[in-house]
Amino acid sequence: MAKRKRTKKEIIKFVTQYGIHIWAILIIANAALIYAYNFTTHAATKSNAPLHILDVSQISPSPSESPSPLPSTGPLGPTLNLSFTVPGIGSGGGVLKPLHTTRNVTVFLFSQDVNSQDPAVKPLYTVQGTATFDSNPLSPTYTSFVNPAFDLGSAVQNGTYQISFRTDQSLRTLIKQNPTDIGGELISLTTGNDPVQIPLQTVLMGDVIPDQGDNKIDINDYNAFINCYGENNTTSSFCKGHNYGDFNDDGVVDGIDYNILLRSLYALSQQGVATPKLSPTPAPIIIIHKIIPTRIPKPTIASPKITKKITPTEAVKTTKTSGGGGAILGVIFFLFFLILLAAGGFFLYMKNETIRNKINALIHLSPTGTPTDETTEETAPETEETPTEATQEETPADQPAKPEVPSEEPTTPAAPAQGTATTEGADYYIKKKGPDETGKGVWLTLTGDNGAVEGHYAKGDVQDGFAKIKGEMKTANGKTFLEISEITTEE
């Protein structure tokens, strides 16, 4: 029986149904071909060329081989291996490049039988020093401030002490064995021994007045923060050179720093410490996540065996013989693959109605990718909307008013409230999150007097900052957001 010849329509249907399998085969075949070629050329290069291992001592000589104009001297007294993190600075969403990579550190040594947290108790020793920001991603203390050999000095006698420390704008942090302990851990210090390992600590920020700190966050600290909020940090003579309130060290005193201050006050209130009542609240309030630095274990690198030192001539020769043709061939295969992919995609777009409809839907400006009747109804002219109350007094977003002196009544700072957006022009602080599914609009975080709400702007990109926003609430694909119709940037 003769085999029936396929019609053109059947061939198109076959390619449409099984096109994904054909493309998968093409991708695997191209990858295998490139890998085989590179493996062959590199293997030949390695077998024909002598083995060269870099002499590590040329790059980083050991301390014993390093010339030094002065004789090395050891620490004068007991030493500490100190490390700590600052809220708002770190790999968990904070600043990775703070403006000040070296911070002042003051260490306090108390007698082992006193209440070291009583303000009336004076320390036996007060030692000044510094800590440096660890910017090495492979270090276990990455994004922390460290001093692996903090010298306490020859004046400190050998003995057992309670230890606390502070850094710029922070409260004192008492070293405890358990977080719930009332007193500090008893730590034995001896001159000549290895540095005493102090567990990684996290400081509480907010002690900005006076410059050297008084180990409390009171109304003076809060007023200094308010007076330097926003542009005042760089324009006010009171704020210049003092950095009152820039806790995450990014050069700006904003809502992120305000949240860090709130977290410190909340932690103090949980310990039963009296905190100032914060009123009014500066705008905007930006909710941030808890900063947890990501730590990568430091890899163990075996000492290399030096077989031959590379001379400049040999290095050039080795570079020239290492697979230059493989890179060119790889580019040719990649271009060939892109041409096949574009041709196949165009073919499927023209012949498959389902794929064509999905692509056309993605081109639409709707954040969901599919226009609906609900979207049309929600974008009705603004003249039919019901205006909200306009009698509320607005606080200028670019400069908060100087607050009235609040009472010293102990309170627990409340978390910023979540609000709903209105359809009238309201003041918000815009924080860009990223592009929407269509690639033409952008998702935003809008923070106003009532808290934060998610927003979408389909007419192009926007800049972070304060602006008046008009729009209306929408719900699409289980997501509720403010569809923005107009953005007026405040000068």
Protein backbone atom coordinates (compact mmCIF):
# COMPACT_ATOMS: atom_id res chain seq x y z
CA MET A 1 0.00 0.00 0.00
CA ALA A 2 1.47 3.38 -1.09
CA LYS A 3 2.20 5.86 1.66
CA ARG A 4 -0.07 8.93 1.46
CA LYS A 5 1.76 12.24 0.90
CA ARG A 6 1.16 14.87 3.60
CA THR A 7 -0.63 18.04 2.54
CA LYS A 8 0.76 21.53 3.29
CA LYS A 9 -1.91 22.09 5.96
CA GLU A 10 -0.97 18.87 7.76
CA ILE A 11 2.73 19.83 7.72
CA ILE A 12 1.96 23.23 9.26
CA LYS A 13 -0.19 21.61 11.95
CA PHE A 14 2.57 19.08 12.70
CA VAL A 15 5.23 21.80 13.08
CA THR A 16 2.94 23.90 15.30
CA GLN A 17 2.12 21.00 17.64
CA TYR A 18 5.64 19.62 17.90
CA GLY A 19 7.64 22.83 17.38
CA ILE A 20 8.77 22.98 21.01
CA HIS A 21 10.35 19.54 20.71
CA ILE A 22 12.16 20.53 17.53
CA TRP A 23 13.59 23.67 19.18
CA ALA A 24 14.71 21.65 22.22
CA ILE A 25 16.58 19.24 19.95
CA LEU A 26 18.23 22.14 18.09
CA ILE A 27 19.38 23.78 21.35
CA ILE A 28 20.83 20.54 22.72
CA ALA A 29 22.56 19.78 19.42
CA ASN A 30 24.18 23.24 19.22
CA ALA A 31 25.33 23.08 22.86
CA ALA A 32 26.82 19.63 22.36
CA LEU A 33 28.63 20.71 19.21
CA ILE A 34 30.17 23.80 20.85
CA TYR A 35 31.20 21.81 23.94
CA ALA A 36 32.80 19.11 21.80
CA TYR A 37 34.77 21.66 19.79
CA ASN A 38 36.01 23.55 22.87
CA PHE A 39 36.89 20.33 24.68
CA THR A 40 38.91 19.11 21.69
CA THR A 41 40.83 22.37 21.16
CA HIS A 42 41.49 22.95 24.88
CA ALA A 43 42.58 19.38 25.43
CA ALA A 44 45.04 19.70 22.56
CA THR A 45 46.37 22.95 23.97
CA LYS A 46 46.88 21.47 27.43
CA SER A 47 48.61 18.37 26.10
CA ASN A 48 50.99 20.31 23.84
CA ALA A 49 51.95 23.11 26.27
CA PRO A 50 53.96 22.76 29.52
CA LEU A 51 52.13 23.14 32.82
CA HIS A 52 52.62 26.58 34.52
CA ILE A 53 51.52 27.39 38.06
CA LEU A 54 51.67 31.00 39.30
CA ASP A 55 54.08 31.73 42.09
CA VAL A 56 51.79 33.05 44.83
CA SER A 57 54.70 34.73 46.61
CA GLN A 58 54.99 37.19 43.71
CA ILE A 59 51.47 38.51 44.34
CA SER A 60 51.02 38.36 48.10
CA PRO A 61 54.26 37.68 50.02
CA SER A 62 53.96 36.21 53.46
CA PRO A 63 54.54 38.49 56.46
CA SER A 64 57.90 36.80 57.13
CA GLU A 65 59.11 37.67 53.62
CA SER A 66 57.70 41.22 53.53
CA PRO A 67 60.33 43.95 54.02
CA SER A 68 59.45 46.33 56.82
CA PRO A 69 61.24 49.59 57.61
CA LEU A 70 60.36 49.31 61.32
CA PRO A 71 60.54 46.32 63.68
CA SER A 72 57.12 44.74 64.29
CA THR A 73 55.66 45.22 67.76
CA GLY A 74 52.92 43.18 69.36
CA PRO A 75 49.87 44.49 71.22
CA LEU A 76 50.50 46.49 74.36
CA GLY A 77 47.74 44.80 76.35
CA PRO A 78 44.90 42.26 76.07
CA THR A 79 43.21 42.17 72.65
CA LEU A 80 39.65 41.54 71.40
CA ASN A 81 38.45 40.11 68.09
CA LEU A 82 35.47 42.49 67.71
CA SER A 83 32.84 42.46 64.94
CA PHE A 84 29.38 44.05 64.71
CA THR A 85 26.66 44.95 62.20
CA VAL A 86 24.83 48.26 61.77
CA PRO A 87 21.09 48.22 60.83
CA GLY A 88 20.59 49.47 57.28
CA ILE A 89 24.11 48.45 56.22
CA GLY A 90 24.52 44.91 54.94
CA SER A 91 23.80 42.32 52.26
CA GLY A 92 20.21 41.66 53.38
CA GLY A 93 18.84 44.67 51.51
CA GLY A 94 20.90 47.46 53.08
CA VAL A 95 23.70 49.70 51.86
CA LEU A 96 26.68 47.72 50.54
CA LYS A 97 28.99 50.71 50.10
CA PRO A 98 28.68 53.01 53.14
CA LEU A 99 30.25 56.44 52.91
CA HIS A 100 32.43 55.83 55.98
CA THR A 101 34.24 52.47 55.85
CA THR A 102 36.01 53.15 59.15
CA ARG A 103 33.99 53.82 62.31
CA ASN A 104 35.04 54.97 65.76
CA VAL A 105 34.65 52.34 68.49
CA THR A 106 34.78 52.87 72.26
CA VAL A 107 35.18 49.82 74.55
CA PHE A 108 34.12 49.98 78.22
CA LEU A 109 35.44 47.53 80.86
CA PHE A 110 33.39 47.12 84.05
CA SER A 111 34.07 45.24 87.25
CA GLN A 112 32.55 41.76 87.32
CA ASP A 113 30.37 42.44 90.41
CA VAL A 114 28.56 45.67 89.36
CA ASN A 115 25.42 46.52 87.36
CA SER A 116 27.11 47.59 84.14
CA GLN A 117 23.82 48.95 82.72
CA ASP A 118 23.28 51.40 85.58
CA PRO A 119 24.11 54.93 84.31
CA ALA A 120 25.56 55.79 87.71
CA VAL A 121 28.17 52.99 87.48
CA LYS A 122 31.39 54.17 85.86
CA PRO A 123 33.63 51.80 83.86
CA LEU A 124 37.08 50.85 85.14
CA TYR A 125 38.61 51.47 81.70
CA THR A 126 37.51 53.32 78.54
CA VAL A 127 39.47 52.49 75.40
CA GLN A 128 39.19 54.27 72.02
CA GLY A 129 39.72 52.48 68.70
CA THR A 130 38.28 51.85 65.23
CA ALA A 131 36.59 49.12 63.16
CA THR A 132 36.72 48.67 59.38
CA PHE A 133 33.93 47.67 56.97
CA ASP A 134 34.45 44.16 55.55
CA SER A 135 33.66 44.35 51.81
CA ASN A 136 34.97 40.90 50.88
CA PRO A 137 32.03 38.67 49.74
CA LEU A 138 34.04 35.53 50.63
CA SER A 139 34.63 36.64 54.22
CA PRO A 140 32.47 35.21 57.06
CA THR A 141 32.09 38.79 58.37
CA TYR A 142 31.04 40.26 55.00
CA THR A 143 29.30 43.69 55.39
CA SER A 144 30.18 43.80 59.10
CA PHE A 145 32.58 46.20 60.84
CA VAL A 146 35.55 44.30 62.26
CA ASN A 147 38.74 44.75 64.26
CA PRO A 148 40.36 41.32 64.71
CA ALA A 149 43.00 42.65 67.15
CA PHE A 150 41.50 45.53 69.16
CA ASP A 151 44.34 46.45 71.55
CA LEU A 152 43.06 47.46 74.99
CA GLY A 153 46.44 48.93 75.97
CA SER A 154 49.04 48.31 78.65
CA ALA A 155 47.01 50.15 81.31
CA VAL A 156 44.41 47.35 81.40
CA GLN A 157 45.38 44.82 84.06
CA ASN A 158 44.82 41.11 83.61
CA GLY A 159 41.51 40.04 85.08
CA THR A 160 37.83 39.31 84.51
CA TYR A 161 35.53 42.06 83.24
CA GLN A 162 32.12 42.86 81.82
CA ILE A 163 32.60 44.43 78.36
CA SER A 164 30.42 46.83 76.38
CA PHE A 165 31.13 48.98 73.34
CA ARG A 166 29.56 51.70 71.16
CA THR A 167 30.15 53.11 67.69
CA ASP A 168 29.11 56.34 65.99
CA GLN A 169 25.41 57.21 66.74
CA SER A 170 24.79 53.92 68.58
CA LEU A 171 23.89 52.98 72.13
CA ARG A 172 26.26 50.88 74.19
CA THR A 173 26.05 47.16 73.43
CA LEU A 174 26.74 44.90 76.43
CA ILE A 175 28.35 41.55 75.60
CA LYS A 176 26.02 38.90 77.04
CA GLN A 177 26.15 35.13 77.11
CA ASN A 178 22.38 35.01 76.48
CA PRO A 179 20.23 37.88 75.14
CA THR A 180 17.89 37.63 78.15
CA ASP A 181 20.68 37.99 80.73
CA ILE A 182 20.55 41.09 82.91
CA GLY A 183 24.31 41.43 83.40
CA GLY A 184 27.18 41.05 80.99
CA GLU A 185 29.22 37.94 80.33
CA LEU A 186 32.36 37.63 82.49
CA ILE A 187 35.33 37.67 80.11
CA SER A 188 38.89 36.93 81.21
CA LEU A 189 41.59 39.17 79.70
CA THR A 190 45.31 38.36 79.72
CA THR A 191 48.17 40.17 78.03
CA GLY A 192 50.07 38.09 75.48
CA ASN A 193 47.28 35.63 74.72
CA ASP A 194 45.38 35.36 71.44
CA PRO A 195 42.59 37.92 70.93
CA VAL A 196 39.40 37.09 72.84
CA GLN A 197 36.69 36.16 70.30
CA ILE A 198 33.58 38.34 70.76
CA PRO A 199 30.43 36.94 69.06
CA LEU A 200 29.02 39.06 66.22
CA GLN A 201 26.91 41.87 67.71
CA THR A 202 24.19 44.16 66.28
CA VAL A 203 24.07 47.71 67.61
CA LEU A 204 21.02 49.94 68.21
CA MET A 205 21.20 53.31 66.42
CA GLY A 206 19.78 56.66 67.57
CA ASP A 207 22.15 58.17 70.19
CA VAL A 208 23.14 61.22 68.10
CA ILE A 209 23.35 64.00 70.73
CA PRO A 210 26.01 64.71 71.97
CA ASP A 211 28.57 63.60 69.38
CA GLN A 212 30.23 61.18 71.80
CA GLY A 213 26.83 59.86 72.96
CA ASP A 214 25.20 59.64 76.39
CA ASN A 215 23.88 56.04 76.08
CA LYS A 216 20.20 57.01 75.76
CA ILE A 217 17.72 58.03 73.09
CA ASP A 218 15.74 60.99 74.37
CA ILE A 219 13.88 64.03 73.04
CA ASN A 220 17.15 65.79 72.20
CA ASP A 221 18.18 62.97 69.88
CA TYR A 222 14.73 62.97 68.25
CA ASN A 223 14.73 66.75 67.70
CA ALA A 224 18.19 66.59 66.14
CA PHE A 225 16.94 63.88 63.79
CA ILE A 226 13.85 65.91 62.79
CA ASN A 227 15.81 69.12 62.25
CA CYS A 228 18.22 67.31 59.90
CA TYR A 229 15.56 65.31 58.05
CA GLY A 230 15.58 65.55 54.25
CA GLU A 231 17.41 68.46 52.61
CA ASN A 232 18.25 70.02 55.97
CA ASN A 233 20.99 67.41 56.40
CA THR A 234 23.11 69.24 53.81
CA THR A 235 21.75 72.81 54.05
CA SER A 236 21.32 73.50 57.78
CA SER A 237 24.36 74.84 59.62
CA PHE A 238 23.29 72.79 62.64
CA CYS A 239 23.46 69.54 60.66
CA LYS A 240 26.52 70.05 58.47
CA GLY A 241 29.48 67.96 59.52
CA HIS A 242 27.60 66.08 62.27
CA ASN A 243 25.58 63.50 60.32
CA TYR A 244 22.66 63.55 62.79
CA GLY A 245 20.38 60.69 61.77
CA ASP A 246 22.00 59.13 58.66
CA PHE A 247 22.06 55.72 60.31
CA ASN A 248 22.58 53.65 57.13
CA ASP A 249 25.40 55.98 56.02
CA ASP A 250 24.12 56.67 52.49
CA GLY A 251 24.36 60.49 52.74
CA VAL A 252 20.57 61.03 53.09
CA VAL A 253 18.35 61.29 56.18
CA ASP A 254 15.08 59.80 54.98
CA GLY A 255 12.29 57.34 55.80
CA ILE A 256 14.72 54.41 55.99
CA ASP A 257 16.64 56.12 58.80
CA TYR A 258 13.34 56.91 60.54
CA ASN A 259 12.40 53.23 60.50
CA ILE A 260 15.80 52.32 61.96
CA LEU A 261 15.15 54.81 64.78
CA LEU A 262 11.70 53.27 65.38
CA ARG A 263 13.22 49.78 65.60
CA SER A 264 15.70 50.98 68.23
CA LEU A 265 12.94 52.61 70.30
CA TYR A 266 10.82 49.47 70.05
CA ALA A 267 13.73 47.30 71.27
CA LEU A 268 14.28 49.66 74.21
CA SER A 269 10.60 49.63 75.13
CA GLN A 270 10.69 45.80 75.18
CA GLN A 271 13.50 46.08 77.74
CA GLY A 272 11.40 48.43 79.90
CA VAL A 273 13.41 51.55 79.04
CA ALA A 274 11.48 54.85 78.84
CA THR A 275 11.33 56.22 75.29
CA PRO A 276 10.17 59.61 73.98
CA LYS A 277 6.75 60.02 72.39
CA LEU A 278 7.27 60.73 68.68
CA SER A 279 4.88 63.38 67.38
CA PRO A 280 4.52 64.43 64.65
CA THR A 281 5.74 61.65 62.40
CA PRO A 282 8.03 62.76 59.54
CA ALA A 283 6.91 61.77 56.06
CA PRO A 284 7.48 59.57 54.20
CA ILE A 285 7.56 56.30 56.13
CA ILE A 286 9.24 53.53 54.16
CA ILE A 287 8.93 50.01 55.54
CA ILE A 288 12.20 48.09 55.38
CA HIS A 289 12.98 44.46 56.02
CA LYS A 290 15.13 43.17 58.84
CA ILE A 291 18.77 43.33 57.86
CA ILE A 292 20.38 39.88 58.03
CA PRO A 293 23.85 39.90 56.39
CA THR A 294 24.50 36.93 54.14
CA ARG A 295 27.64 35.12 55.15
CA ILE A 296 29.63 32.95 52.78
CA PRO A 297 32.02 30.44 54.40
CA LYS A 298 35.61 31.31 53.69
CA PRO A 299 36.99 28.62 51.33
CA THR A 300 40.02 26.62 52.32
CA ILE A 301 42.72 27.04 49.69
CA ALA A 302 45.58 24.57 49.68
CA SER A 303 49.07 25.97 49.27
CA PRO A 304 50.02 25.62 45.58
CA LYS A 305 53.01 23.58 44.58
CA ILE A 306 55.35 25.78 42.55
CA THR A 307 56.71 23.90 39.54
CA LYS A 308 57.84 26.83 37.43
CA LYS A 309 57.57 30.58 37.54
CA ILE A 310 55.89 32.21 34.55
CA THR A 311 58.02 34.69 32.68
CA PRO A 312 56.34 37.52 30.71
CA THR A 313 57.33 35.89 27.38
CA GLU A 314 55.78 32.53 28.30
CA ALA A 315 52.60 34.19 29.55
CA VAL A 316 52.09 35.93 26.20
CA LYS A 317 52.80 32.71 24.31
CA THR A 318 50.29 30.74 26.41
CA THR A 319 47.58 33.36 25.84
CA LYS A 320 48.02 33.31 22.10
CA THR A 321 47.70 29.50 21.85
CA SER A 322 44.58 29.15 23.97
CA GLY A 323 41.59 28.52 21.72
CA GLY A 324 41.04 31.81 19.84
CA GLY A 325 39.29 29.93 17.04
CA GLY A 326 36.88 28.37 19.52
CA ALA A 327 35.47 31.77 20.48
CA ILE A 328 34.89 32.72 16.81
CA LEU A 329 33.20 29.42 16.06
CA GLY A 330 31.02 29.82 19.15
CA VAL A 331 29.87 33.26 17.96
CA ILE A 332 28.99 31.83 14.53
CA PHE A 333 26.92 29.02 16.08
CA PHE A 334 25.19 31.50 18.38
CA LEU A 335 24.22 33.79 15.48
CA PHE A 336 22.99 30.79 13.51
CA PHE A 337 20.87 29.72 16.47
CA LEU A 338 19.37 33.21 16.83
CA ILE A 339 18.41 33.24 13.14
CA LEU A 340 16.72 29.85 13.46
CA LEU A 341 14.93 30.93 16.64
CA ALA A 342 13.65 34.15 15.03
CA ALA A 343 12.45 32.33 11.93
CA GLY A 344 10.69 29.66 13.95
CA GLY A 345 9.06 32.23 16.24
CA PHE A 346 7.77 34.22 13.26
CA PHE A 347 6.41 31.02 11.70
CA LEU A 348 4.55 30.05 14.89
CA TYR A 349 3.23 33.61 15.26
CA MET A 350 1.76 33.60 11.75
CA LYS A 351 0.34 30.07 11.81
CA ASN A 352 -0.79 29.53 15.41
CA GLU A 353 -3.70 31.73 16.45
CA THR A 354 -3.35 30.95 20.18
CA ILE A 355 0.28 32.07 20.29
CA ARG A 356 -0.52 35.15 18.21
CA ASN A 357 -3.31 36.19 20.62
CA LYS A 358 -1.04 35.80 23.66
CA ILE A 359 1.71 37.92 22.07
CA ASN A 360 -0.80 40.61 21.10
CA ALA A 361 -2.15 40.60 24.67
CA LEU A 362 1.36 41.09 26.10
CA ILE A 363 1.87 44.16 23.89
CA HIS A 364 -1.14 45.82 25.60
CA LEU A 365 -0.34 48.39 28.30
CA SER A 366 -2.45 46.61 30.94
CA PRO A 367 -0.25 45.31 33.80
CA THR A 368 -2.03 41.95 33.62
CA GLY A 369 -1.26 41.48 29.91
CA THR A 370 -4.91 40.92 28.94
CA PRO A 371 -7.34 43.85 28.47
CA THR A 372 -10.70 43.39 30.21
CA ASP A 373 -13.97 45.25 30.51
CA GLU A 374 -13.13 45.94 34.14
CA THR A 375 -10.05 47.91 33.09
CA THR A 376 -12.11 50.03 30.69
CA GLU A 377 -14.62 50.85 33.38
CA GLU A 378 -11.96 51.72 35.92
CA THR A 379 -10.29 54.23 33.61
CA ALA A 380 -13.38 56.43 33.29
CA PRO A 381 -12.95 60.23 33.23
CA GLU A 382 -11.98 61.72 36.53
CA THR A 383 -14.96 64.09 36.49
CA GLU A 384 -17.26 61.23 37.51
CA GLU A 385 -15.25 60.25 40.58
CA THR A 386 -16.35 61.12 44.07
CA PRO A 387 -13.70 63.31 45.70
CA THR A 388 -12.43 62.36 49.11
CA GLU A 389 -12.11 64.63 52.07
CA ALA A 390 -9.82 67.55 51.28
CA THR A 391 -9.94 69.14 54.70
CA GLN A 392 -6.97 67.25 56.07
CA GLU A 393 -3.96 69.43 56.61
CA GLU A 394 -1.00 68.20 54.58
CA THR A 395 2.58 68.28 55.83
CA PRO A 396 5.17 69.40 53.25
CA ALA A 397 6.95 66.27 52.06
CA ASP A 398 10.28 67.82 51.35
CA GLN A 399 10.77 69.37 54.83
CA PRO A 400 8.92 68.18 57.97
CA ALA A 401 7.73 70.84 60.38
CA LYS A 402 9.64 71.26 63.58
CA PRO A 403 7.77 69.13 66.13
CA GLU A 404 6.34 70.31 69.38
CA VAL A 405 8.31 69.11 72.37
CA PRO A 406 6.59 65.84 73.27
CA SER A 407 6.28 64.58 76.75
CA GLU A 408 8.79 62.13 78.24
CA GLU A 409 5.95 59.62 78.80
CA PRO A 410 7.17 56.06 78.06
CA THR A 411 5.35 54.66 75.10
CA THR A 412 5.82 51.91 72.55
CA PRO A 413 6.21 53.34 69.05
CA ALA A 414 3.44 52.10 66.80
CA ALA A 415 4.26 50.50 63.43
CA PRO A 416 3.41 52.65 60.38
CA ALA A 417 -0.24 52.18 59.39
CA GLN A 418 -1.24 50.70 56.04
CA GLY A 419 -3.66 52.95 54.14
CA THR A 420 -5.66 53.06 50.94
CA ALA A 421 -5.05 55.37 47.99
CA THR A 422 -7.59 57.99 46.91
CA THR A 423 -8.56 59.10 43.40
CA GLU A 424 -7.65 62.75 44.10
CA GLY A 425 -4.18 64.29 43.82
CA ALA A 426 -2.42 63.14 47.00
CA ASP A 427 1.20 63.42 48.19
CA TYR A 428 3.22 60.22 48.02
CA TYR A 429 6.83 59.19 48.14
CA ILE A 430 7.53 57.11 45.02
CA LYS A 431 9.90 54.13 45.26
CA LYS A 432 10.38 52.24 42.00
CA LYS A 433 10.17 48.42 42.28
CA GLY A 434 10.69 47.36 38.65
CA PRO A 435 9.07 47.02 35.22
CA ASP A 436 5.68 45.39 34.77
CA GLU A 437 4.94 42.29 32.71
CA THR A 438 4.63 44.28 29.47
CA GLY A 439 8.00 45.99 29.84
CA LYS A 440 6.44 49.39 29.08
CA GLY A 441 5.05 50.26 32.50
CA VAL A 442 6.51 50.16 36.00
CA TRP A 443 5.45 48.91 39.44
CA LEU A 444 5.88 51.35 42.31
CA THR A 445 5.70 51.49 46.11
CA LEU A 446 3.71 54.59 47.13
CA THR A 447 4.16 55.78 50.72
CA GLY A 448 1.79 58.43 52.05
CA ASP A 449 0.37 59.64 55.34
CA ASN A 450 -1.59 56.40 55.77
CA GLY A 451 1.23 54.01 54.93
CA ALA A 452 2.42 52.17 51.82
CA VAL A 453 0.39 50.88 48.86
CA GLU A 454 1.40 49.22 45.61
CA GLY A 455 0.95 51.28 42.43
CA HIS A 456 1.25 50.86 38.66
CA TYR A 457 2.10 53.49 36.05
CA ALA A 458 1.68 52.36 32.43
CA LYS A 459 2.90 55.51 30.64
CA GLY A 460 6.63 55.13 31.12
CA ASP A 461 9.39 55.29 33.66
CA VAL A 462 9.36 57.53 36.76
CA GLN A 463 11.94 58.74 39.25
CA ASP A 464 12.02 58.14 43.00
CA GLY A 465 10.88 61.09 45.07
CA PHE A 466 7.87 63.07 46.24
CA ALA A 467 4.96 63.72 43.87
CA LYS A 468 1.20 64.32 43.70
CA ILE A 469 -0.54 61.27 42.27
CA LYS A 470 -4.00 60.79 40.77
CA GLY A 471 -5.41 57.36 40.14
CA GLU A 472 -7.87 54.75 41.27
CA MET A 473 -7.72 51.34 42.89
CA LYS A 474 -7.88 48.20 40.74
CA THR A 475 -7.92 44.49 41.35
CA ALA A 476 -6.53 42.19 38.65
CA ASN A 477 -5.25 38.60 38.88
CA GLY A 478 -5.72 38.66 42.66
CA LYS A 479 -3.56 41.83 43.06
CA THR A 480 -4.93 45.14 44.38
CA PHE A 481 -3.05 48.24 43.31
CA LEU A 482 -3.44 51.92 42.47
CA GLU A 483 -3.58 52.47 38.69
CA ILE A 484 -1.94 55.90 38.27
CA SER A 485 -3.36 58.30 35.69
CA GLU A 486 -1.25 61.38 36.46
CA ILE A 487 2.02 62.11 38.30
CA THR A 488 2.98 65.68 39.20
CA THR A 489 6.55 65.85 40.48
CA GLU A 490 7.09 68.33 43.29
CA GLU A 491 9.95 70.78 42.68
